[in-house]
C-alpha cells in the first residue's frame, strides 16, 4: 500500500519512544484516536497499514474484532509476534491497499488508515478503493504540514530534505487534507492532535 521504495512500518518508533515530548504528542494522538473509535461504535474493524500492530492491538484490547494488513511481510511478522505476546486473536495479512477487496476485509463496521496516505503515490485511488470496501466508517490520519517538517528541522532531522520524513510523498495541511477526503466520504468529526490531522468519516453509499 505504501510506495515499494518507501520504508515500511514506523520509520521512527513513536509508540515506543522514551522521549518525554514525543510521548506527550503520542498520548494526544492516542486520546483522539480512542475517542473516534468509540464514536464509531464499531464491533468489527479492519486496519490498513497496520505496521507492527500497535493500534490493532489497542482496539482488540478494547473489545474490537480486528483484522489488519500491511505491504511488508517483515512488518506483518512483527505484528503477529506482538499479537501472540498480548495473547490476542488478530488476523494480520500481507496486502497492498491497492489490491484489497471486500473478501479481504469481510465487511467491517470501521476501517482504520492512520499514517498511511502520505506514503502513497496515488492517495485518491486508495481512498476510492477504501470506499468500495463497504465499511460504515473510516478513521484516517496524516501528519499536518508544514508543522511536521518544521518540527523535524527543529530537532535536527532530515535537514537536506527540508524536514521531510523519509517515505512521505504527500503533504497536506488540515484544509487540503479535508479537500481530498470530501469527494469520497462524509466528514463526521475532525481532530487535530498536534502535529496530526485525524478525521472520522462515514461512507454514505454503503450498501
N, C-alpha and C. Protein backbone atom coordinates (compact mmCIF):
# COMPACT_ATOMS: atom_id res chain seq x y z
N UNK A 1 0.80 -1.19 0.00
CA UNK A 1 0.00 0.00 0.00
C UNK A 1 0.83 1.24 0.00
N UNK A 2 2.00 1.18 0.62
CA UNK A 2 2.93 2.28 0.51
C UNK A 2 3.76 2.08 -0.75
N UNK A 3 4.37 3.15 -1.20
CA UNK A 3 5.27 3.03 -2.33
C UNK A 3 6.33 1.99 -2.01
N UNK A 4 6.63 1.11 -2.96
CA UNK A 4 7.51 -0.02 -2.69
C UNK A 4 8.92 0.41 -2.31
N UNK A 5 9.32 1.64 -2.66
CA UNK A 5 10.64 2.13 -2.32
C UNK A 5 10.67 2.84 -0.97
N UNK A 6 9.54 2.93 -0.31
CA UNK A 6 9.45 3.63 0.96
C UNK A 6 9.71 2.70 2.14
N UNK A 7 10.16 3.25 3.28
CA UNK A 7 10.31 2.42 4.46
C UNK A 7 8.97 1.87 4.91
N UNK A 8 8.94 0.60 5.31
CA UNK A 8 7.71 0.01 5.84
C UNK A 8 7.70 0.14 7.36
N UNK A 9 6.50 0.04 7.94
CA UNK A 9 6.40 0.18 9.38
C UNK A 9 6.66 1.61 9.80
N UNK A 10 7.03 1.80 11.07
CA UNK A 10 7.30 3.13 11.58
C UNK A 10 8.77 3.47 11.41
N UNK A 11 9.08 4.49 10.60
CA UNK A 11 10.47 4.88 10.40
C UNK A 11 11.08 5.32 11.72
N UNK A 12 10.26 5.96 12.56
CA UNK A 12 10.65 6.36 13.90
C UNK A 12 9.69 5.69 14.87
N UNK A 13 10.21 5.03 15.88
CA UNK A 13 9.35 4.27 16.80
C UNK A 13 8.61 5.21 17.74
N UNK A 14 7.55 5.83 17.24
CA UNK A 14 6.81 6.79 18.04
C UNK A 14 6.02 6.13 19.15
N UNK A 15 5.67 4.86 18.99
CA UNK A 15 4.91 4.16 20.03
C UNK A 15 5.80 3.75 21.20
N UNK A 16 7.06 3.47 20.92
CA UNK A 16 7.96 3.00 21.98
C UNK A 16 8.95 4.04 22.46
N UNK A 17 8.81 5.29 22.02
CA UNK A 17 9.79 6.31 22.37
C UNK A 17 9.82 6.60 23.88
N UNK A 18 11.02 6.90 24.38
CA UNK A 18 11.17 7.31 25.78
C UNK A 18 11.27 8.82 25.90
N UNK A 19 11.34 9.53 24.77
CA UNK A 19 11.43 10.98 24.79
C UNK A 19 10.15 11.57 25.37
N UNK A 20 10.24 12.39 26.43
CA UNK A 20 9.02 12.87 27.09
C UNK A 20 8.14 13.74 26.19
N UNK A 21 8.75 14.53 25.30
CA UNK A 21 7.96 15.37 24.41
C UNK A 21 7.23 14.50 23.39
N UNK A 22 7.96 13.54 22.80
CA UNK A 22 7.34 12.64 21.82
C UNK A 22 6.24 11.81 22.48
N UNK A 23 6.46 11.39 23.73
CA UNK A 23 5.44 10.62 24.44
C UNK A 23 4.19 11.45 24.66
N UNK A 24 4.36 12.72 25.00
CA UNK A 24 3.21 13.60 25.21
C UNK A 24 2.43 13.79 23.91
N UNK A 25 3.14 13.93 22.78
CA UNK A 25 2.47 14.06 21.49
C UNK A 25 1.70 12.79 21.15
N UNK A 26 2.32 11.64 21.40
CA UNK A 26 1.65 10.37 21.11
C UNK A 26 0.44 10.16 22.01
N UNK A 27 0.51 10.60 23.24
CA UNK A 27 -0.64 10.48 24.14
C UNK A 27 -1.82 11.28 23.58
N UNK A 28 -1.52 12.46 23.01
CA UNK A 28 -2.58 13.26 22.39
C UNK A 28 -3.17 12.56 21.17
N UNK A 29 -2.30 11.97 20.36
CA UNK A 29 -2.75 11.21 19.19
C UNK A 29 -3.66 10.07 19.62
N UNK A 30 -3.22 9.29 20.61
CA UNK A 30 -3.97 8.12 21.03
C UNK A 30 -5.29 8.48 21.70
N UNK A 31 -5.32 9.59 22.43
CA UNK A 31 -6.58 10.03 23.04
C UNK A 31 -7.61 10.37 21.95
N UNK A 32 -7.17 11.12 20.93
CA UNK A 32 -8.08 11.44 19.82
C UNK A 32 -8.53 10.17 19.10
N UNK A 33 -7.59 9.27 18.88
CA UNK A 33 -7.90 8.02 18.20
C UNK A 33 -8.93 7.21 18.99
N UNK A 34 -8.70 7.05 20.28
CA UNK A 34 -9.64 6.28 21.12
C UNK A 34 -11.02 6.91 21.10
N UNK A 35 -11.08 8.24 21.16
CA UNK A 35 -12.36 8.95 21.15
C UNK A 35 -13.13 8.67 19.85
N UNK A 36 -12.44 8.69 18.72
CA UNK A 36 -13.11 8.49 17.44
C UNK A 36 -13.53 7.04 17.25
N UNK A 37 -12.71 6.10 17.71
CA UNK A 37 -13.11 4.69 17.66
C UNK A 37 -14.37 4.47 18.48
N UNK A 38 -14.42 5.11 19.64
CA UNK A 38 -15.61 4.99 20.49
C UNK A 38 -16.84 5.59 19.81
N UNK A 39 -16.67 6.72 19.13
CA UNK A 39 -17.79 7.35 18.43
C UNK A 39 -18.30 6.48 17.29
N UNK A 40 -17.40 5.75 16.64
CA UNK A 40 -17.81 4.86 15.55
C UNK A 40 -18.60 3.67 16.06
N UNK A 41 -18.43 3.33 17.35
CA UNK A 41 -19.17 2.23 17.98
C UNK A 41 -19.08 0.95 17.14
N UNK A 42 -17.86 0.64 16.71
CA UNK A 42 -17.65 -0.47 15.78
C UNK A 42 -17.33 -1.75 16.53
N UNK A 43 -17.89 -2.85 16.06
CA UNK A 43 -17.56 -4.16 16.61
C UNK A 43 -16.48 -4.84 15.76
N UNK A 44 -16.59 -4.70 14.44
CA UNK A 44 -15.61 -5.30 13.54
C UNK A 44 -14.79 -4.19 12.89
N UNK A 45 -13.46 -4.36 12.90
CA UNK A 45 -12.55 -3.29 12.47
C UNK A 45 -11.47 -3.89 11.57
N UNK A 46 -11.14 -3.17 10.51
CA UNK A 46 -10.03 -3.57 9.65
C UNK A 46 -9.05 -2.41 9.56
N UNK A 47 -7.77 -2.68 9.88
CA UNK A 47 -6.75 -1.63 9.81
C UNK A 47 -5.88 -1.81 8.58
N UNK A 48 -5.82 -0.80 7.75
CA UNK A 48 -4.95 -0.75 6.57
C UNK A 48 -3.65 -0.07 6.96
N UNK A 49 -2.53 -0.71 6.64
CA UNK A 49 -1.24 -0.15 7.04
C UNK A 49 -1.02 -0.29 8.53
N UNK A 50 -1.21 -1.50 9.01
CA UNK A 50 -1.20 -1.75 10.47
C UNK A 50 0.19 -1.69 11.08
N UNK A 51 1.26 -1.69 10.25
CA UNK A 51 2.60 -1.67 10.82
C UNK A 51 2.82 -2.83 11.77
N UNK A 52 3.43 -2.54 12.90
CA UNK A 52 3.73 -3.58 13.88
C UNK A 52 2.52 -3.96 14.74
N UNK A 53 1.37 -3.39 14.45
CA UNK A 53 0.13 -3.81 15.11
C UNK A 53 -0.27 -3.04 16.34
N UNK A 54 0.36 -1.90 16.60
CA UNK A 54 0.08 -1.17 17.84
C UNK A 54 -1.38 -0.74 17.97
N UNK A 55 -1.93 -0.13 16.94
CA UNK A 55 -3.32 0.33 17.02
C UNK A 55 -4.29 -0.84 16.97
N UNK A 56 -3.98 -1.85 16.16
CA UNK A 56 -4.85 -3.03 16.09
C UNK A 56 -4.95 -3.70 17.46
N UNK A 57 -3.81 -3.83 18.12
CA UNK A 57 -3.80 -4.43 19.46
C UNK A 57 -4.60 -3.57 20.43
N UNK A 58 -4.44 -2.28 20.34
CA UNK A 58 -5.16 -1.36 21.22
C UNK A 58 -6.67 -1.54 21.05
N UNK A 59 -7.13 -1.63 19.79
CA UNK A 59 -8.56 -1.79 19.54
C UNK A 59 -9.06 -3.17 19.98
N UNK A 60 -8.24 -4.20 19.77
CA UNK A 60 -8.64 -5.55 20.19
C UNK A 60 -8.74 -5.64 21.71
N UNK A 61 -7.84 -4.99 22.41
CA UNK A 61 -7.89 -4.99 23.88
C UNK A 61 -9.14 -4.30 24.40
N UNK A 62 -9.70 -3.39 23.59
CA UNK A 62 -10.93 -2.70 23.97
C UNK A 62 -12.18 -3.40 23.45
N UNK A 63 -12.02 -4.63 22.96
CA UNK A 63 -13.17 -5.44 22.61
C UNK A 63 -13.50 -5.54 21.14
N UNK A 64 -12.71 -4.91 20.29
CA UNK A 64 -12.99 -4.99 18.86
C UNK A 64 -12.54 -6.30 18.25
N UNK A 65 -13.27 -6.75 17.22
CA UNK A 65 -12.84 -7.88 16.40
C UNK A 65 -12.04 -7.29 15.26
N UNK A 66 -10.72 -7.50 15.29
CA UNK A 66 -9.81 -6.72 14.46
C UNK A 66 -9.06 -7.60 13.46
N UNK A 67 -8.95 -7.09 12.24
CA UNK A 67 -8.06 -7.64 11.23
C UNK A 67 -7.18 -6.50 10.73
N UNK A 68 -6.04 -6.85 10.13
CA UNK A 68 -5.16 -5.79 9.64
C UNK A 68 -4.25 -6.28 8.55
N UNK A 69 -3.70 -5.33 7.79
CA UNK A 69 -2.77 -5.67 6.72
C UNK A 69 -1.71 -4.60 6.57
N UNK A 70 -0.59 -5.00 5.98
CA UNK A 70 0.47 -4.08 5.61
C UNK A 70 1.18 -4.66 4.39
N UNK A 71 1.89 -3.82 3.67
CA UNK A 71 2.53 -4.27 2.45
C UNK A 71 3.79 -5.09 2.71
N UNK A 72 4.37 -4.95 3.90
CA UNK A 72 5.64 -5.61 4.22
C UNK A 72 5.44 -6.92 4.96
N UNK A 73 5.97 -8.01 4.43
CA UNK A 73 5.87 -9.30 5.11
C UNK A 73 6.66 -9.29 6.40
N UNK A 74 7.79 -8.58 6.44
CA UNK A 74 8.59 -8.50 7.67
C UNK A 74 7.83 -7.77 8.77
N UNK A 75 7.17 -6.69 8.41
CA UNK A 75 6.40 -5.94 9.40
C UNK A 75 5.21 -6.75 9.90
N UNK A 76 4.57 -7.50 9.01
CA UNK A 76 3.45 -8.34 9.43
C UNK A 76 3.92 -9.43 10.39
N UNK A 77 5.11 -9.96 10.18
CA UNK A 77 5.66 -10.93 11.13
C UNK A 77 5.83 -10.31 12.51
N UNK A 78 6.28 -9.04 12.55
CA UNK A 78 6.40 -8.35 13.83
C UNK A 78 5.02 -8.15 14.47
N UNK A 79 4.03 -7.80 13.66
CA UNK A 79 2.67 -7.63 14.17
C UNK A 79 2.14 -8.94 14.76
N UNK A 80 2.41 -10.04 14.08
CA UNK A 80 1.97 -11.34 14.57
C UNK A 80 2.65 -11.70 15.89
N UNK A 81 3.93 -11.39 16.00
CA UNK A 81 4.65 -11.64 17.26
C UNK A 81 4.05 -10.82 18.40
N UNK A 82 3.77 -9.54 18.12
CA UNK A 82 3.17 -8.69 19.15
C UNK A 82 1.79 -9.18 19.53
N UNK A 83 1.03 -9.67 18.56
CA UNK A 83 -0.28 -10.24 18.81
C UNK A 83 -0.19 -11.45 19.74
N UNK A 84 0.78 -12.32 19.49
CA UNK A 84 0.98 -13.50 20.32
C UNK A 84 1.39 -13.13 21.74
N UNK A 85 2.26 -12.12 21.86
CA UNK A 85 2.70 -11.68 23.18
C UNK A 85 1.53 -11.18 24.02
N UNK A 86 0.59 -10.53 23.35
CA UNK A 86 -0.57 -9.97 24.05
C UNK A 86 -1.71 -10.99 24.18
N UNK A 87 -1.51 -12.19 23.60
CA UNK A 87 -2.49 -13.28 23.66
C UNK A 87 -3.85 -12.84 23.10
N UNK A 88 -3.78 -12.18 21.93
CA UNK A 88 -4.99 -11.74 21.25
C UNK A 88 -5.22 -12.59 20.01
N UNK A 89 -6.28 -12.30 19.29
CA UNK A 89 -6.65 -13.12 18.13
C UNK A 89 -6.88 -12.23 16.92
N UNK A 90 -5.85 -11.45 16.56
CA UNK A 90 -5.95 -10.54 15.43
C UNK A 90 -5.42 -11.24 14.18
N UNK A 91 -6.16 -11.14 13.10
CA UNK A 91 -5.76 -11.74 11.83
C UNK A 91 -4.99 -10.70 11.02
N UNK A 92 -3.68 -10.90 10.86
CA UNK A 92 -2.84 -10.00 10.07
C UNK A 92 -2.48 -10.65 8.75
N UNK A 93 -2.48 -9.86 7.67
CA UNK A 93 -2.13 -10.38 6.36
C UNK A 93 -1.26 -9.38 5.60
N UNK A 94 -0.47 -9.90 4.67
CA UNK A 94 0.33 -9.05 3.79
C UNK A 94 -0.54 -8.66 2.59
N UNK A 95 -0.77 -7.35 2.42
CA UNK A 95 -1.62 -6.90 1.32
C UNK A 95 -1.40 -5.41 1.08
N UNK A 96 -1.47 -5.01 -0.16
CA UNK A 96 -1.43 -3.60 -0.54
C UNK A 96 -2.85 -3.04 -0.54
N UNK A 97 -2.99 -1.79 -0.15
CA UNK A 97 -4.30 -1.16 -0.18
C UNK A 97 -4.87 -1.17 -1.60
N UNK A 98 -4.00 -1.10 -2.59
CA UNK A 98 -4.47 -1.06 -3.97
C UNK A 98 -5.09 -2.38 -4.42
N UNK A 99 -4.82 -3.46 -3.68
CA UNK A 99 -5.35 -4.78 -4.06
C UNK A 99 -6.41 -5.31 -3.11
N UNK A 100 -6.78 -4.54 -2.10
CA UNK A 100 -7.76 -5.01 -1.14
C UNK A 100 -9.14 -5.17 -1.77
N UNK A 101 -9.87 -6.21 -1.33
CA UNK A 101 -11.23 -6.47 -1.80
C UNK A 101 -12.16 -6.63 -0.60
N UNK A 102 -13.44 -6.65 -0.87
CA UNK A 102 -14.42 -6.88 0.19
C UNK A 102 -14.17 -8.22 0.89
N UNK A 103 -13.74 -9.21 0.13
CA UNK A 103 -13.46 -10.52 0.71
C UNK A 103 -12.34 -10.43 1.73
N UNK A 104 -11.31 -9.62 1.46
CA UNK A 104 -10.19 -9.47 2.38
C UNK A 104 -10.63 -8.86 3.71
N UNK A 105 -11.47 -7.84 3.65
CA UNK A 105 -11.79 -7.09 4.86
C UNK A 105 -13.04 -7.59 5.56
N UNK A 106 -13.87 -8.38 4.87
CA UNK A 106 -15.05 -9.03 5.47
C UNK A 106 -16.06 -8.03 6.02
N UNK A 107 -16.32 -6.96 5.26
CA UNK A 107 -17.42 -6.04 5.56
C UNK A 107 -17.38 -5.48 6.99
N UNK A 108 -16.31 -4.78 7.36
CA UNK A 108 -16.20 -4.28 8.74
C UNK A 108 -17.08 -3.06 8.99
N UNK A 109 -17.32 -2.79 10.27
CA UNK A 109 -18.03 -1.56 10.64
C UNK A 109 -17.12 -0.35 10.46
N UNK A 110 -15.82 -0.56 10.67
CA UNK A 110 -14.86 0.55 10.67
C UNK A 110 -13.57 0.13 9.98
N UNK A 111 -13.04 1.01 9.13
CA UNK A 111 -11.69 0.86 8.59
C UNK A 111 -10.82 1.95 9.21
N UNK A 112 -9.64 1.56 9.64
CA UNK A 112 -8.65 2.49 10.19
C UNK A 112 -7.49 2.57 9.21
N UNK A 113 -7.06 3.79 8.90
CA UNK A 113 -5.96 4.01 7.96
C UNK A 113 -5.15 5.20 8.46
N UNK A 114 -4.31 4.96 9.46
CA UNK A 114 -3.56 6.03 10.11
C UNK A 114 -2.10 6.02 9.69
N UNK A 115 -1.59 7.18 9.32
CA UNK A 115 -0.19 7.35 8.92
C UNK A 115 0.14 6.48 7.71
N UNK A 116 -0.74 6.49 6.73
CA UNK A 116 -0.57 5.67 5.52
C UNK A 116 -0.62 6.52 4.25
N UNK A 117 -1.62 7.36 4.12
CA UNK A 117 -1.87 8.05 2.85
C UNK A 117 -0.70 8.92 2.42
N UNK A 118 0.06 9.45 3.37
CA UNK A 118 1.19 10.29 3.00
C UNK A 118 2.30 9.50 2.30
N UNK A 119 2.27 8.17 2.41
CA UNK A 119 3.27 7.31 1.78
C UNK A 119 2.88 6.89 0.36
N UNK A 120 1.66 7.19 -0.05
CA UNK A 120 1.14 6.63 -1.29
C UNK A 120 1.36 7.54 -2.49
N UNK A 121 1.64 6.92 -3.64
CA UNK A 121 1.79 7.72 -4.85
C UNK A 121 0.43 8.12 -5.43
N UNK A 122 -0.65 7.41 -5.05
CA UNK A 122 -1.97 7.75 -5.57
C UNK A 122 -3.01 7.64 -4.44
N UNK A 123 -3.03 8.61 -3.54
CA UNK A 123 -3.97 8.55 -2.42
C UNK A 123 -5.44 8.60 -2.83
N UNK A 124 -5.75 9.29 -3.93
CA UNK A 124 -7.15 9.33 -4.38
C UNK A 124 -7.63 7.94 -4.79
N UNK A 125 -6.79 7.19 -5.49
CA UNK A 125 -7.15 5.82 -5.85
C UNK A 125 -7.34 4.97 -4.59
N UNK A 126 -6.45 5.15 -3.62
CA UNK A 126 -6.57 4.39 -2.37
C UNK A 126 -7.88 4.70 -1.65
N UNK A 127 -8.25 5.96 -1.62
CA UNK A 127 -9.50 6.33 -0.95
C UNK A 127 -10.71 5.75 -1.67
N UNK A 128 -10.67 5.71 -2.99
CA UNK A 128 -11.78 5.12 -3.74
C UNK A 128 -11.87 3.62 -3.48
N UNK A 129 -10.73 2.96 -3.36
CA UNK A 129 -10.74 1.53 -3.03
C UNK A 129 -11.26 1.32 -1.62
N UNK A 130 -10.81 2.14 -0.69
CA UNK A 130 -11.31 2.02 0.69
C UNK A 130 -12.82 2.21 0.73
N UNK A 131 -13.32 3.17 -0.02
CA UNK A 131 -14.77 3.38 -0.08
C UNK A 131 -15.49 2.14 -0.60
N UNK A 132 -14.89 1.46 -1.58
CA UNK A 132 -15.52 0.28 -2.18
C UNK A 132 -15.56 -0.91 -1.22
N UNK A 133 -14.79 -0.85 -0.13
CA UNK A 133 -14.74 -1.97 0.81
C UNK A 133 -15.97 -2.03 1.71
N UNK A 134 -16.78 -0.96 1.65
CA UNK A 134 -18.14 -1.01 2.20
C UNK A 134 -18.20 -0.97 3.72
N UNK A 135 -17.22 -0.37 4.37
CA UNK A 135 -17.33 -0.15 5.81
C UNK A 135 -18.21 1.08 6.05
N UNK A 136 -18.81 1.14 7.22
CA UNK A 136 -19.65 2.29 7.52
C UNK A 136 -18.81 3.52 7.81
N UNK A 137 -17.70 3.31 8.55
CA UNK A 137 -16.87 4.44 8.98
C UNK A 137 -15.41 4.23 8.59
N UNK A 138 -14.70 5.34 8.52
CA UNK A 138 -13.26 5.35 8.29
C UNK A 138 -12.63 6.33 9.26
N UNK A 139 -11.56 5.91 9.93
CA UNK A 139 -10.72 6.83 10.69
C UNK A 139 -9.39 6.91 9.96
N UNK A 140 -9.00 8.14 9.61
CA UNK A 140 -7.78 8.33 8.84
C UNK A 140 -7.00 9.48 9.45
N UNK A 141 -5.67 9.34 9.48
CA UNK A 141 -4.83 10.42 9.99
C UNK A 141 -3.60 10.58 9.12
N UNK A 142 -3.09 11.82 9.07
CA UNK A 142 -1.85 12.13 8.35
C UNK A 142 -1.11 13.21 9.14
N UNK A 143 0.21 13.32 8.93
CA UNK A 143 0.95 14.44 9.51
C UNK A 143 0.41 15.77 8.99
N UNK A 144 0.35 16.77 9.88
CA UNK A 144 -0.13 18.09 9.46
C UNK A 144 1.05 18.94 9.03
N UNK A 145 1.00 19.34 7.78
CA UNK A 145 2.08 20.15 7.19
C UNK A 145 1.69 21.62 7.11
N UNK A 146 2.67 22.53 7.17
CA UNK A 146 4.12 22.27 7.24
C UNK A 146 4.66 22.05 8.64
N UNK A 147 3.75 21.95 9.63
CA UNK A 147 4.20 21.83 11.02
C UNK A 147 5.12 20.62 11.20
N UNK A 148 4.75 19.49 10.56
CA UNK A 148 5.52 18.26 10.72
C UNK A 148 6.98 18.47 10.33
N UNK A 149 7.20 19.07 9.16
CA UNK A 149 8.57 19.27 8.70
C UNK A 149 9.30 20.32 9.52
N UNK A 150 8.60 21.34 9.98
CA UNK A 150 9.22 22.35 10.84
C UNK A 150 9.73 21.71 12.13
N UNK A 151 8.92 20.82 12.70
CA UNK A 151 9.33 20.13 13.93
C UNK A 151 10.55 19.24 13.68
N UNK A 152 10.57 18.56 12.54
CA UNK A 152 11.73 17.74 12.21
C UNK A 152 13.00 18.58 12.10
N UNK A 153 12.91 19.70 11.43
CA UNK A 153 14.06 20.60 11.31
C UNK A 153 14.49 21.10 12.68
N UNK A 154 13.50 21.45 13.53
CA UNK A 154 13.81 21.97 14.86
C UNK A 154 14.55 20.97 15.72
N UNK A 155 14.30 19.66 15.49
CA UNK A 155 15.01 18.65 16.27
C UNK A 155 16.23 18.11 15.52
N UNK A 156 16.61 18.79 14.44
CA UNK A 156 17.83 18.46 13.73
C UNK A 156 17.75 17.26 12.82
N UNK A 157 16.56 16.94 12.33
CA UNK A 157 16.37 15.76 11.50
C UNK A 157 16.05 16.14 10.05
N UNK A 158 16.61 15.40 9.12
CA UNK A 158 16.28 15.46 7.68
C UNK A 158 16.45 16.86 7.09
N UNK A 159 17.51 17.54 7.50
CA UNK A 159 17.73 18.91 7.03
C UNK A 159 17.86 18.97 5.51
N UNK A 160 18.59 18.01 4.93
CA UNK A 160 18.81 18.08 3.48
C UNK A 160 17.52 17.91 2.69
N UNK A 161 16.49 17.33 3.34
CA UNK A 161 15.17 17.18 2.71
C UNK A 161 14.16 18.17 3.27
N UNK A 162 14.67 19.24 3.87
CA UNK A 162 13.82 20.29 4.45
C UNK A 162 12.82 19.73 5.46
N UNK A 163 13.28 18.75 6.25
CA UNK A 163 12.46 18.19 7.31
C UNK A 163 11.49 17.12 6.89
N UNK A 164 11.52 16.70 5.62
CA UNK A 164 10.58 15.68 5.17
C UNK A 164 11.00 14.30 5.66
N UNK A 165 10.12 13.62 6.36
CA UNK A 165 10.39 12.26 6.83
C UNK A 165 10.56 11.33 5.64
N UNK A 166 11.58 10.46 5.66
CA UNK A 166 11.77 9.53 4.54
C UNK A 166 10.49 8.74 4.25
N UNK A 167 10.11 8.70 2.98
CA UNK A 167 8.93 7.95 2.56
C UNK A 167 7.67 8.78 2.45
N UNK A 168 7.68 10.02 2.93
CA UNK A 168 6.49 10.86 2.81
C UNK A 168 6.44 11.48 1.42
N UNK A 169 5.47 11.04 0.63
CA UNK A 169 5.32 11.53 -0.74
C UNK A 169 4.27 12.63 -0.84
N UNK A 170 3.31 12.64 0.10
CA UNK A 170 2.21 13.60 0.08
C UNK A 170 2.31 14.49 1.31
N UNK A 171 1.87 15.74 1.17
CA UNK A 171 1.98 16.71 2.26
C UNK A 171 0.71 17.55 2.30
N UNK A 172 -0.03 17.46 3.40
CA UNK A 172 -1.31 18.14 3.50
C UNK A 172 -1.40 19.02 4.74
N UNK A 173 -1.95 20.21 4.57
CA UNK A 173 -2.46 20.97 5.70
C UNK A 173 -3.80 20.36 6.10
N UNK A 174 -4.38 20.83 7.19
CA UNK A 174 -5.70 20.32 7.56
C UNK A 174 -6.71 20.60 6.44
N UNK A 175 -6.70 21.82 5.92
CA UNK A 175 -7.66 22.20 4.88
C UNK A 175 -7.48 21.36 3.62
N UNK A 176 -6.26 21.16 3.18
CA UNK A 176 -6.04 20.41 1.94
C UNK A 176 -6.34 18.93 2.12
N UNK A 177 -6.15 18.41 3.35
CA UNK A 177 -6.48 17.00 3.59
C UNK A 177 -7.99 16.79 3.55
N UNK A 178 -8.74 17.69 4.16
CA UNK A 178 -10.20 17.58 4.09
C UNK A 178 -10.68 17.68 2.64
N UNK A 179 -9.99 18.50 1.85
CA UNK A 179 -10.36 18.66 0.44
C UNK A 179 -10.23 17.34 -0.32
N UNK A 180 -9.21 16.55 -0.01
CA UNK A 180 -9.03 15.27 -0.71
C UNK A 180 -10.00 14.20 -0.19
N UNK A 181 -10.46 14.33 1.05
CA UNK A 181 -11.38 13.34 1.61
C UNK A 181 -12.82 13.54 1.14
N UNK A 182 -13.25 14.79 1.00
CA UNK A 182 -14.67 15.09 0.79
C UNK A 182 -15.29 14.48 -0.46
N UNK A 183 -14.56 14.29 -1.57
CA UNK A 183 -15.20 13.63 -2.71
C UNK A 183 -15.52 12.15 -2.47
N UNK A 184 -14.94 11.57 -1.43
CA UNK A 184 -15.09 10.13 -1.19
C UNK A 184 -15.96 9.81 0.01
N UNK A 185 -15.91 10.64 1.05
CA UNK A 185 -16.59 10.34 2.31
C UNK A 185 -17.23 11.59 2.89
N UNK A 186 -18.24 11.37 3.73
CA UNK A 186 -18.81 12.46 4.52
C UNK A 186 -17.96 12.64 5.78
N UNK A 187 -17.64 13.88 6.10
CA UNK A 187 -16.82 14.18 7.27
C UNK A 187 -17.71 14.24 8.51
N UNK A 188 -17.41 13.40 9.49
CA UNK A 188 -18.21 13.37 10.72
C UNK A 188 -17.56 14.21 11.83
N UNK A 189 -16.27 14.05 12.01
CA UNK A 189 -15.58 14.77 13.08
C UNK A 189 -14.11 14.91 12.74
N UNK A 190 -13.54 16.08 13.09
CA UNK A 190 -12.15 16.39 12.81
C UNK A 190 -11.43 16.62 14.12
N UNK A 191 -10.30 15.98 14.28
CA UNK A 191 -9.44 16.20 15.44
C UNK A 191 -8.07 16.67 14.97
N UNK A 192 -7.40 17.44 15.83
CA UNK A 192 -6.08 17.98 15.49
C UNK A 192 -5.08 17.71 16.60
N UNK A 193 -4.82 16.44 16.92
CA UNK A 193 -3.78 16.17 17.92
C UNK A 193 -2.42 16.59 17.33
N UNK A 194 -1.77 17.51 17.96
CA UNK A 194 -0.54 18.08 17.43
C UNK A 194 0.55 17.00 17.31
N UNK A 195 1.18 16.85 16.12
CA UNK A 195 1.04 17.58 14.86
C UNK A 195 0.39 16.74 13.76
N UNK A 196 -0.81 16.24 14.00
CA UNK A 196 -1.53 15.42 13.02
C UNK A 196 -2.89 16.02 12.71
N UNK A 197 -3.47 15.58 11.61
CA UNK A 197 -4.89 15.75 11.34
C UNK A 197 -5.53 14.37 11.36
N UNK A 198 -6.62 14.22 12.12
CA UNK A 198 -7.30 12.93 12.25
C UNK A 198 -8.79 13.15 12.00
N UNK A 199 -9.39 12.29 11.18
CA UNK A 199 -10.77 12.52 10.75
C UNK A 199 -11.57 11.23 10.85
N UNK A 200 -12.77 11.34 11.39
CA UNK A 200 -13.76 10.26 11.34
C UNK A 200 -14.70 10.56 10.18
N UNK A 201 -14.78 9.62 9.24
CA UNK A 201 -15.60 9.77 8.04
C UNK A 201 -16.68 8.69 8.00
N UNK A 202 -17.73 8.98 7.25
CA UNK A 202 -18.80 8.00 7.03
C UNK A 202 -18.96 7.74 5.55
N UNK A 203 -19.18 6.49 5.21
CA UNK A 203 -19.45 6.10 3.82
C UNK A 203 -20.97 6.10 3.62
N UNK A 204 -21.48 7.16 3.03
CA UNK A 204 -22.93 7.31 2.87
C UNK A 204 -23.48 6.40 1.78
N UNK A 205 -22.59 5.81 0.98
CA UNK A 205 -23.04 4.93 -0.10
C UNK A 205 -22.92 3.47 0.29
N UNK A 206 -22.71 3.18 1.55
CA UNK A 206 -22.58 1.79 1.98
C UNK A 206 -23.85 1.02 1.64
N UNK A 207 -23.67 -0.14 1.05
CA UNK A 207 -24.83 -0.94 0.64
C UNK A 207 -25.27 -1.89 1.75
